[in-house]
Amino acid sequence: MSSTIKKEDGGPSGDQVVLWADNLAKTYDGTKFQFKDATFVIAKGERIGLIGVNGVGKSTLLKILSSKEPADGGSVTVRKGSLLTYVEQVFGVLVVGC
């Protein structure tokens, strides 16, 4: 399954953009893409959400945006002075009130 993410509505002005993603692509086997041609911007103060079924590349995209994993294509540019943080998913059981 491949996904395309595009923001083509004019978007925010350049001085408000903190992250540019251009034509990002990721595949683990060379044939099946988790996503390709992902192009978007994130503006200062903007809140975003990634929604999708398991295995479509949500966590992978976030890892690429935060430089924890390389993309197979495209580029990510982060405005100087911006801070990106990726909090790894943790699986386990939380026991409260023992």
PDB file of N, CA and C in Angstrom:
ATOM      1  N   MET A   1       0.852  -1.169   0.000  1.00  0.00           N
ATOM      2  CA  MET A   1       0.000   0.000   0.000  1.00  0.00           C
ATOM      3  C   MET A   1       0.896   1.229   0.000  1.00  0.00           C
ATOM      4  N   SER A   2       0.633   2.182  -0.850  1.00  0.00           N
ATOM      5  CA  SER A   2       1.400   3.421  -0.846  1.00  0.00           C
ATOM      6  C   SER A   2       0.487   4.569  -0.468  1.00  0.00           C
ATOM      7  N   SER A   3       1.093   5.577   0.124  1.00  0.00           N
ATOM      8  CA  SER A   3       0.339   6.740   0.562  1.00  0.00           C
ATOM      9  C   SER A   3       0.985   7.984  -0.002  1.00  0.00           C
ATOM     10  N   THR A   4       0.181   8.954  -0.319  1.00  0.00           N
ATOM     11  CA  THR A   4       0.690  10.236  -0.768  1.00  0.00           C
ATOM     12  C   THR A   4       0.120  11.310   0.135  1.00  0.00           C
ATOM     13  N   ILE A   5       0.997  12.141   0.668  1.00  0.00           N
ATOM     14  CA  ILE A   5       0.595  13.222   1.549  1.00  0.00           C
ATOM     15  C   ILE A   5       0.985  14.518   0.853  1.00  0.00           C
ATOM     16  N   LYS A   6       0.035  15.364   0.597  1.00  0.00           N
ATOM     17  CA  LYS A   6       0.329  16.629  -0.070  1.00  0.00           C
ATOM     18  C   LYS A   6      -0.431  17.756   0.588  1.00  0.00           C
ATOM     19  N   LYS A   7       0.196  18.919   0.641  1.00  0.00           N
ATOM     20  CA  LYS A   7      -0.479  20.126   1.100  1.00  0.00           C
ATOM     21  C   LYS A   7      -0.261  21.164   0.009  1.00  0.00           C
ATOM     22  N   GLU A   8      -1.297  21.434  -0.742  1.00  0.00           N
ATOM     23  CA  GLU A   8      -1.163  22.293  -1.911  1.00  0.00           C
ATOM     24  C   GLU A   8      -2.103  23.486  -1.872  1.00  0.00           C
ATOM     25  N   ASP A   9      -2.606  23.852  -0.703  1.00  0.00           N
ATOM     26  CA  ASP A   9      -3.571  24.943  -0.604  1.00  0.00           C
ATOM     27  C   ASP A   9      -2.910  26.302  -0.446  1.00  0.00           C
ATOM     28  N   GLY A  10      -1.653  26.411  -0.815  1.00  0.00           N
ATOM     29  CA  GLY A  10      -0.928  27.652  -0.613  1.00  0.00           C
ATOM     30  C   GLY A  10      -0.154  27.607   0.680  1.00  0.00           C
ATOM     31  N   GLY A  11      -0.745  27.046   1.722  1.00  0.00           N
ATOM     32  CA  GLY A  11      -0.063  26.838   2.983  1.00  0.00           C
ATOM     33  C   GLY A  11       0.382  28.114   3.658  1.00  0.00           C
ATOM     34  N   PRO A  12       1.135  27.980   4.724  1.00  0.00           N
ATOM     35  CA  PRO A  12       1.598  29.135   5.484  1.00  0.00           C
ATOM     36  C   PRO A  12       2.703  29.881   4.757  1.00  0.00           C
ATOM     37  N   SER A  13       2.935  31.119   5.171  1.00  0.00           N
ATOM     38  CA  SER A  13       4.015  31.893   4.576  1.00  0.00           C
ATOM     39  C   SER A  13       5.353  31.323   5.024  1.00  0.00           C
ATOM     40  N   GLY A  14       6.393  31.575   4.272  1.00  0.00           N
ATOM     41  CA  GLY A  14       7.713  31.014   4.527  1.00  0.00           C
ATOM     42  C   GLY A  14       8.263  31.319   5.903  1.00  0.00           C
ATOM     43  N   ASP A  15       7.949  32.486   6.465  1.00  0.00           N
ATOM     44  CA  ASP A  15       8.494  32.825   7.779  1.00  0.00           C
ATOM     45  C   ASP A  15       7.804  32.058   8.903  1.00  0.00           C
ATOM     46  N   GLN A  16       6.683  31.404   8.635  1.00  0.00           N
ATOM     47  CA  GLN A  16       5.976  30.617   9.634  1.00  0.00           C
ATOM     48  C   GLN A  16       6.287  29.126   9.545  1.00  0.00           C
ATOM     49  N   VAL A  17       6.923  28.695   8.473  1.00  0.00           N
ATOM     50  CA  VAL A  17       7.201  27.269   8.263  1.00  0.00           C
ATOM     51  C   VAL A  17       8.395  26.839   9.113  1.00  0.00           C
ATOM     52  N   VAL A  18       8.225  25.747   9.871  1.00  0.00           N
ATOM     53  CA  VAL A  18       9.327  25.226  10.678  1.00  0.00           C
ATOM     54  C   VAL A  18       9.865  23.900  10.135  1.00  0.00           C
ATOM     55  N   LEU A  19       9.078  23.215   9.289  1.00  0.00           N
ATOM     56  CA  LEU A  19       9.534  21.961   8.710  1.00  0.00           C
ATOM     57  C   LEU A  19       8.993  21.822   7.294  1.00  0.00           C
ATOM     58  N   TRP A  20       9.873  21.457   6.387  1.00  0.00           N
ATOM     59  CA  TRP A  20       9.502  21.179   4.998  1.00  0.00           C
ATOM     60  C   TRP A  20       9.844  19.727   4.720  1.00  0.00           C
ATOM     61  N   ALA A  21       8.899  18.966   4.222  1.00  0.00           N
ATOM     62  CA  ALA A  21       9.144  17.595   3.760  1.00  0.00           C
ATOM     63  C   ALA A  21       8.837  17.581   2.266  1.00  0.00           C
ATOM     64  N   ASP A  22       9.775  17.098   1.487  1.00  0.00           N
ATOM     65  CA  ASP A  22       9.621  17.143   0.037  1.00  0.00           C
ATOM     66  C   ASP A  22       9.880  15.778  -0.578  1.00  0.00           C
ATOM     67  N   ASN A  23       8.829  15.204  -1.147  1.00  0.00           N
ATOM     68  CA  ASN A  23       8.910  13.930  -1.875  1.00  0.00           C
ATOM     69  C   ASN A  23       9.520  12.793  -1.063  1.00  0.00           C
ATOM     70  N   LEU A  24       9.175  12.705   0.215  1.00  0.00           N
ATOM     71  CA  LEU A  24       9.711  11.630   1.059  1.00  0.00           C
ATOM     72  C   LEU A  24       9.199  10.273   0.598  1.00  0.00           C
ATOM     73  N   ALA A  25      10.068   9.285   0.711  1.00  0.00           N
ATOM     74  CA  ALA A  25       9.705   7.906   0.366  1.00  0.00           C
ATOM     75  C   ALA A  25      10.417   6.966   1.324  1.00  0.00           C
ATOM     76  N   LYS A  26       9.750   5.850   1.637  1.00  0.00           N
ATOM     77  CA  LYS A  26      10.365   4.826   2.482  1.00  0.00           C
ATOM     78  C   LYS A  26       9.857   3.463   2.063  1.00  0.00           C
ATOM     79  N   THR A  27      10.791   2.551   1.859  1.00  0.00           N
ATOM     80  CA  THR A  27      10.484   1.159   1.563  1.00  0.00           C
ATOM     81  C   THR A  27      11.496   0.302   2.287  1.00  0.00           C
ATOM     82  N   TYR A  28      11.070  -0.851   2.757  1.00  0.00           N
ATOM     83  CA  TYR A  28      11.998  -1.748   3.432  1.00  0.00           C
ATOM     84  C   TYR A  28      12.433  -2.895   2.536  1.00  0.00           C
ATOM     85  N   ASP A  29      11.679  -3.171   1.468  1.00  0.00           N
ATOM     86  CA  ASP A  29      12.026  -4.290   0.599  1.00  0.00           C
ATOM     87  C   ASP A  29      12.350  -3.863  -0.826  1.00  0.00           C
ATOM     88  N   GLY A  30      12.303  -2.563  -1.100  1.00  0.00           N
ATOM     89  CA  GLY A  30      12.626  -2.065  -2.432  1.00  0.00           C
ATOM     90  C   GLY A  30      11.459  -2.054  -3.398  1.00  0.00           C
ATOM     91  N   THR A  31      10.332  -2.648  -3.020  1.00  0.00           N
ATOM     92  CA  THR A  31       9.178  -2.682  -3.925  1.00  0.00           C
ATOM     93  C   THR A  31       7.911  -2.131  -3.279  1.00  0.00           C
ATOM     94  N   LYS A  32       7.665  -2.476  -2.028  1.00  0.00           N
ATOM     95  CA  LYS A  32       6.461  -2.021  -1.332  1.00  0.00           C
ATOM     96  C   LYS A  32       6.804  -0.781  -0.505  1.00  0.00           C
ATOM     97  N   PHE A  33       6.191   0.341  -0.861  1.00  0.00           N
ATOM     98  CA  PHE A  33       6.460   1.591  -0.166  1.00  0.00           C
ATOM     99  C   PHE A  33       5.522   1.768   1.017  1.00  0.00           C
ATOM    100  N   GLN A  34       6.068   2.194   2.150  1.00  0.00           N
ATOM    101  CA  GLN A  34       5.211   2.600   3.258  1.00  0.00           C
ATOM    102  C   GLN A  34       4.570   3.926   2.889  1.00  0.00           C
ATOM    103  N   PHE A  35       5.339   4.783   2.219  1.00  0.00           N
ATOM    104  CA  PHE A  35       4.821   6.026   1.652  1.00  0.00           C
ATOM    105  C   PHE A  35       5.799   6.494   0.592  1.00  0.00           C
ATOM    106  N   LYS A  36       5.298   7.281  -0.339  1.00  0.00           N
ATOM    107  CA  LYS A  36       6.163   7.885  -1.352  1.00  0.00           C
ATOM    108  C   LYS A  36       5.547   9.200  -1.789  1.00  0.00           C
ATOM    109  N   ASP A  37       6.387  10.091  -2.280  1.00  0.00           N
ATOM    110  CA  ASP A  37       5.972  11.425  -2.731  1.00  0.00           C
ATOM    111  C   ASP A  37       5.285  12.217  -1.623  1.00  0.00           C
ATOM    112  N   ALA A  38       5.664  11.978  -0.360  1.00  0.00           N
ATOM    113  CA  ALA A  38       5.066  12.711   0.762  1.00  0.00           C
ATOM    114  C   ALA A  38       5.660  14.116   0.800  1.00  0.00           C
ATOM    115  N   THR A  39       4.824  15.108   0.547  1.00  0.00           N
ATOM    116  CA  THR A  39       5.256  16.495   0.491  1.00  0.00           C
ATOM    117  C   THR A  39       4.317  17.342   1.338  1.00  0.00           C
ATOM    118  N   PHE A  40       4.873  18.046   2.323  1.00  0.00           N
ATOM    119  CA  PHE A  40       4.049  18.889   3.190  1.00  0.00           C
ATOM    120  C   PHE A  40       4.934  19.855   3.961  1.00  0.00           C
ATOM    121  N   VAL A  41       4.302  20.820   4.591  1.00  0.00           N
ATOM    122  CA  VAL A  41       4.990  21.743   5.491  1.00  0.00           C
ATOM    123  C   VAL A  41       4.263  21.732   6.829  1.00  0.00           C
ATOM    124  N   ILE A  42       4.998  22.050   7.874  1.00  0.00           N
ATOM    125  CA  ILE A  42       4.417  22.230   9.201  1.00  0.00           C
ATOM    126  C   ILE A  42       4.783  23.637   9.642  1.00  0.00           C
ATOM    127  N   ALA A  43       3.764  24.416  10.018  1.00  0.00           N
ATOM    128  CA  ALA A  43       3.967  25.810  10.396  1.00  0.00           C
ATOM    129  C   ALA A  43       4.050  25.963  11.906  1.00  0.00           C
ATOM    130  N   LYS A  44       4.648  27.038  12.319  1.00  0.00           N
ATOM    131  CA  LYS A  44       4.761  27.378  13.735  1.00  0.00           C
ATOM    132  C   LYS A  44       3.368  27.372  14.363  1.00  0.00           C
ATOM    133  N   GLY A  45       3.223  26.654  15.485  1.00  0.00           N
ATOM    134  CA  GLY A  45       1.964  26.603  16.206  1.00  0.00           C
ATOM    135  C   GLY A  45       0.941  25.632  15.651  1.00  0.00           C
ATOM    136  N   GLU A  46       1.214  25.047  14.505  1.00  0.00           N
ATOM    137  CA  GLU A  46       0.268  24.118  13.885  1.00  0.00           C
ATOM    138  C   GLU A  46       0.268  22.783  14.636  1.00  0.00           C
ATOM    139  N   ARG A  47      -0.899  22.205  14.797  1.00  0.00           N
ATOM    140  CA  ARG A  47      -1.036  20.887  15.403  1.00  0.00           C
ATOM    141  C   ARG A  47      -1.454  19.915  14.328  1.00  0.00           C
ATOM    142  N   ILE A  48      -0.784  18.776  14.294  1.00  0.00           N
ATOM    143  CA  ILE A  48      -1.078  17.787  13.269  1.00  0.00           C
ATOM    144  C   ILE A  48      -1.333  16.440  13.919  1.00  0.00           C
ATOM    145  N   GLY A  49      -1.968  15.566  13.191  1.00  0.00           N
ATOM    146  CA  GLY A  49      -2.187  14.200  13.644  1.00  0.00           C
ATOM    147  C   GLY A  49      -1.968  13.247  12.486  1.00  0.00           C
ATOM    148  N   LEU A  50      -1.419  12.091  12.778  1.00  0.00           N
ATOM    149  CA  LEU A  50      -1.252  11.037  11.778  1.00  0.00           C
ATOM    150  C   LEU A  50      -2.201   9.913  12.140  1.00  0.00           C
ATOM    151  N   ILE A  51      -3.057   9.559  11.212  1.00  0.00           N
ATOM    152  CA  ILE A  51      -4.059   8.532  11.448  1.00  0.00           C
ATOM    153  C   ILE A  51      -3.933   7.483  10.362  1.00  0.00           C
ATOM    154  N   GLY A  52      -3.924   6.231  10.748  1.00  0.00           N
ATOM    155  CA  GLY A  52      -3.860   5.157   9.773  1.00  0.00           C
ATOM    156  C   GLY A  52      -3.788   3.814  10.465  1.00  0.00           C
ATOM    157  N   VAL A  53      -4.034   2.765   9.715  1.00  0.00           N
ATOM    158  CA  VAL A  53      -3.984   1.409  10.259  1.00  0.00           C
ATOM    159  C   VAL A  53      -2.533   1.035  10.552  1.00  0.00           C
ATOM    160  N   ASN A  54      -2.357  -0.011  11.314  1.00  0.00           N
ATOM    161  CA  ASN A  54      -1.018  -0.483  11.653  1.00  0.00           C
ATOM    162  C   ASN A  54      -0.223  -0.822  10.392  1.00  0.00           C
ATOM    163  N   GLY A  55       1.045  -0.430  10.409  1.00  0.00           N
ATOM    164  CA  GLY A  55       1.952  -0.819   9.336  1.00  0.00           C
ATOM    165  C   GLY A  55       2.009   0.088   8.136  1.00  0.00           C
ATOM    166  N   VAL A  56       1.313   1.231   8.145  1.00  0.00           N
ATOM    167  CA  VAL A  56       1.330   2.100   6.967  1.00  0.00           C
ATOM    168  C   VAL A  56       2.439   3.140   6.998  1.00  0.00           C
ATOM    169  N   GLY A  57       3.189   3.237   8.131  1.00  0.00           N
ATOM    170  CA  GLY A  57       4.344   4.119   8.147  1.00  0.00           C
ATOM    171  C   GLY A  57       4.235   5.365   9.004  1.00  0.00           C
ATOM    172  N   LYS A  58       3.272   5.419   9.896  1.00  0.00           N
ATOM    173  CA  LYS A  58       3.119   6.615  10.744  1.00  0.00           C
ATOM    174  C   LYS A  58       4.357   6.843  11.609  1.00  0.00           C
ATOM    175  N   SER A  59       4.763   5.828  12.346  1.00  0.00           N
ATOM    176  CA  SER A  59       5.944   5.951  13.207  1.00  0.00           C
ATOM    177  C   SER A  59       7.204   6.144  12.371  1.00  0.00           C
ATOM    178  N   THR A  60       7.286   5.465  11.252  1.00  0.00           N
ATOM    179  CA  THR A  60       8.447   5.607  10.373  1.00  0.00           C
ATOM    180  C   THR A  60       8.569   7.039   9.880  1.00  0.00           C
ATOM    181  N   LEU A  61       7.462   7.643   9.471  1.00  0.00           N
ATOM    182  CA  LEU A  61       7.492   9.033   9.021  1.00  0.00           C
ATOM    183  C   LEU A  61       7.997   9.950  10.132  1.00  0.00           C
ATOM    184  N   LEU A  62       7.493   9.763  11.343  1.00  0.00           N
ATOM    185  CA  LEU A  62       7.942  10.592  12.463  1.00  0.00           C
ATOM    186  C   LEU A  62       9.423  10.391  12.751  1.00  0.00           C
ATOM    187  N   LYS A  63       9.912   9.167  12.646  1.00  0.00           N
ATOM    188  CA  LYS A  63      11.340   8.897  12.838  1.00  0.00           C
ATOM    189  C   LYS A  63      12.180   9.596  11.770  1.00  0.00           C
ATOM    190  N   ILE A  64      11.692   9.607  10.545  1.00  0.00           N
ATOM    191  CA  ILE A  64      12.412  10.292   9.466  1.00  0.00           C
ATOM    192  C   ILE A  64      12.432  11.796   9.714  1.00  0.00           C
ATOM    193  N   LEU A  65      11.289  12.354  10.105  1.00  0.00           N
ATOM    194  CA  LEU A  65      11.225  13.796  10.360  1.00  0.00           C
ATOM    195  C   LEU A  65      12.159  14.211  11.488  1.00  0.00           C
ATOM    196  N   SER A  66      12.364  13.329  12.465  1.00  0.00           N
ATOM    197  CA  SER A  66      13.234  13.654  13.599  1.00  0.00           C
ATOM    198  C   SER A  66      14.653  13.112  13.429  1.00  0.00           C
ATOM    199  N   SER A  67      15.004  12.679  12.215  1.00  0.00           N
ATOM    200  CA  SER A  67      16.355  12.204  11.862  1.00  0.00           C
ATOM    201  C   SER A  67      16.787  10.952  12.618  1.00  0.00           C
ATOM    202  N   LYS A  68      15.854  10.158  13.074  1.00  0.00           N
ATOM    203  CA  LYS A  68      16.185   8.902  13.741  1.00  0.00           C
ATOM    204  C   LYS A  68      16.274   7.747  12.753  1.00  0.00           C
ATOM    205  N   GLU A  69      15.780   7.964  11.540  1.00  0.00           N
ATOM    206  CA  GLU A  69      15.812   6.948  10.490  1.00  0.00           C
ATOM    207  C   GLU A  69      15.936   7.673   9.154  1.00  0.00           C
ATOM    208  N   PRO A  70      16.724   7.131   8.216  1.00  0.00           N
ATOM    209  CA  PRO A  70      16.857   7.802   6.920  1.00  0.00           C
ATOM    210  C   PRO A  70      15.673   7.514   5.993  1.00  0.00           C
ATOM    211  N   ALA A  71      15.367   8.472   5.153  1.00  0.00           N
ATOM    212  CA  ALA A  71      14.371   8.272   4.088  1.00  0.00           C
ATOM    213  C   ALA A  71      15.070   7.605   2.913  1.00  0.00           C
ATOM    214  N   ASP A  72      14.308   6.921   2.087  1.00  0.00           N
ATOM    215  CA  ASP A  72      14.862   6.336   0.864  1.00  0.00           C
ATOM    216  C   ASP A  72      14.815   7.324  -0.294  1.00  0.00           C
ATOM    217  N   GLY A  73      14.087   8.395  -0.119  1.00  0.00           N
ATOM    218  CA  GLY A  73      14.004   9.434  -1.135  1.00  0.00           C
ATOM    219  C   GLY A  73      13.449  10.701  -0.530  1.00  0.00           C
ATOM    220  N   GLY A  74      13.719  11.812  -1.164  1.00  0.00           N
ATOM    221  CA  GLY A  74      13.197  13.083  -0.710  1.00  0.00           C
ATOM    222  C   GLY A  74      14.083  13.751   0.321  1.00  0.00           C
ATOM    223  N   SER A  75      13.557  14.826   0.902  1.00  0.00           N
ATOM    224  CA  SER A  75      14.348  15.578   1.868  1.00  0.00           C
ATOM    225  C   SER A  75      13.457  16.185   2.941  1.00  0.00           C
ATOM    226  N   VAL A  76      14.076  16.427   4.097  1.00  0.00           N
ATOM    227  CA  VAL A  76      13.425  17.105   5.214  1.00  0.00           C
ATOM    228  C   VAL A  76      14.311  18.286   5.578  1.00  0.00           C
ATOM    229  N   THR A  77      13.698  19.462   5.682  1.00  0.00           N
ATOM    230  CA  THR A  77      14.413  20.657   6.097  1.00  0.00           C
ATOM    231  C   THR A  77      13.711  21.229   7.317  1.00  0.00           C
ATOM    232  N   VAL A  78      14.486  21.469   8.363  1.00  0.00           N
ATOM    233  CA  VAL A  78      13.952  22.034   9.599  1.00  0.00           C
ATOM    234  C   VAL A  78      14.549  23.426   9.768  1.00  0.00           C
ATOM    235  N   ARG A  79      13.685  24.398  10.065  1.00  0.00           N
ATOM    236  CA  ARG A  79      14.144  25.778  10.251  1.00  0.00           C
ATOM    237  C   ARG A  79      15.171  25.840  11.380  1.00  0.00           C
ATOM    238  N   LYS A  80      16.227  26.585  11.143  1.00  0.00           N
ATOM    239  CA  LYS A  80      17.269  26.776  12.142  1.00  0.00           C
ATOM    240  C   LYS A  80      16.651  27.273  13.449  1.00  0.00           C
ATOM    241  N   GLY A  81      17.065  26.661  14.558  1.00  0.00           N
ATOM    242  CA  GLY A  81      16.545  27.043  15.863  1.00  0.00           C
ATOM    243  C   GLY A  81      15.308  26.277  16.284  1.00  0.00           C
ATOM    244  N   SER A  82      14.752  25.443  15.389  1.00  0.00           N
ATOM    245  CA  SER A  82      13.575  24.640  15.731  1.00  0.00           C
ATOM    246  C   SER A  82      14.018  23.359  16.424  1.00  0.00           C
ATOM    247  N   LEU A  83      13.182  22.858  17.300  1.00  0.00           N
ATOM    248  CA  LEU A  83      13.471  21.628  18.022  1.00  0.00           C
ATOM    249  C   LEU A  83      12.391  20.610  17.721  1.00  0.00           C
ATOM    250  N   LEU A  84      12.802  19.461  17.199  1.00  0.00           N
ATOM    251  CA  LEU A  84      11.884  18.350  16.938  1.00  0.00           C
ATOM    252  C   LEU A  84      12.188  17.248  17.934  1.00  0.00           C
ATOM    253  N   THR A  85      11.165  16.684  18.532  1.00  0.00           N
ATOM    254  CA  THR A  85      11.344  15.595  19.482  1.00  0.00           C
ATOM    255  C   THR A  85      10.446  14.442  19.082  1.00  0.00           C
ATOM    256  N   TYR A  86      11.004  13.256  19.090  1.00  0.00           N
ATOM    257  CA  TYR A  86      10.229  12.048  18.820  1.00  0.00           C
ATOM    258  C   TYR A  86      10.246  11.199  20.080  1.00  0.00           C
ATOM    259  N   VAL A  87       9.077  10.878  20.612  1.00  0.00           N
ATOM    260  CA  VAL A  87       8.975  10.027  21.789  1.00  0.00           C
ATOM    261  C   VAL A  87       8.617   8.630  21.310  1.00  0.00           C
ATOM    262  N   GLU A  88       9.526   7.699  21.542  1.00  0.00           N
ATOM    263  CA  GLU A  88       9.361   6.316  21.092  1.00  0.00           C
ATOM    264  C   GLU A  88       8.134   5.676  21.734  1.00  0.00           C
ATOM    265  N   GLN A  89       7.441   4.844  20.980  1.00  0.00           N
ATOM    266  CA  GLN A  89       6.321   4.081  21.522  1.00  0.00           C
ATOM    267  C   GLN A  89       6.861   3.062  22.520  1.00  0.00           C
ATOM    268  N   VAL A  90       6.178   2.909  23.608  1.00  0.00           N
ATOM    269  CA  VAL A  90       6.568   1.928  24.612  1.00  0.00           C
ATOM    270  C   VAL A  90       5.389   0.991  24.823  1.00  0.00           C
ATOM    271  N   PHE A  91       5.654  -0.290  24.673  1.00  0.00           N
ATOM    272  CA  PHE A  91       4.610  -1.280  24.855  1.00  0.00           C
ATOM    273  C   PHE A  91       4.804  -1.947  26.207  1.00  0.00           C
ATOM    274  N   GLY A  92       3.746  -2.122  26.928  1.00  0.00           N
ATOM    275  CA  GLY A  92       3.838  -2.768  28.223  1.00  0.00           C
ATOM    276  C   GLY A  92       2.526  -2.621  28.962  1.00  0.00           C
ATOM    277  N   VAL A  93       2.556  -3.038  30.199  1.00  0.00           N
ATOM    278  CA  VAL A  93       1.362  -2.982  31.034  1.00  0.00           C
ATOM    279  C   VAL A  93       1.635  -2.019  32.176  1.00  0.00           C
ATOM    280  N   LEU A  94       0.719  -1.125  32.413  1.00  0.00           N
ATOM    281  CA  LEU A  94       0.810  -0.182  33.514  1.00  0.00           C
ATOM    282  C   LEU A  94      -0.067  -0.706  34.646  1.00  0.00           C
ATOM    283  N   VAL A  95       0.542  -0.951  35.764  1.00  0.00           N
ATOM    284  CA  VAL A  95      -0.204  -1.428  36.921  1.00  0.00           C
ATOM    285  C   VAL A  95      -0.314  -0.269  37.904  1.00  0.00           C
ATOM    286  N   VAL A  96      -1.546   0.090  38.254  1.00  0.00           N
ATOM    287  CA  VAL A  96      -1.783   1.214  39.148  1.00  0.00           C
ATOM    288  C   VAL A  96      -2.462   0.711  40.411  1.00  0.00           C
ATOM    289  N   GLY A  97      -2.047   1.256  41.566  1.00  0.00           N
ATOM    290  CA  GLY A  97      -2.718   0.947  42.822  1.00  0.00           C
ATOM    291  C   GLY A  97      -2.413  -0.420  43.366  1.00  0.00           C
ATOM    292  N   CYS A  98      -1.188  -0.890  43.271  1.00  0.00           N
ATOM    293  CA  CYS A  98      -0.836  -2.207  43.815  1.00  0.00           C
ATOM    294  C   CYS A  98      -0.895  -2.244  45.311  1.00  0.00           C
TER     295      CYS A  98
END
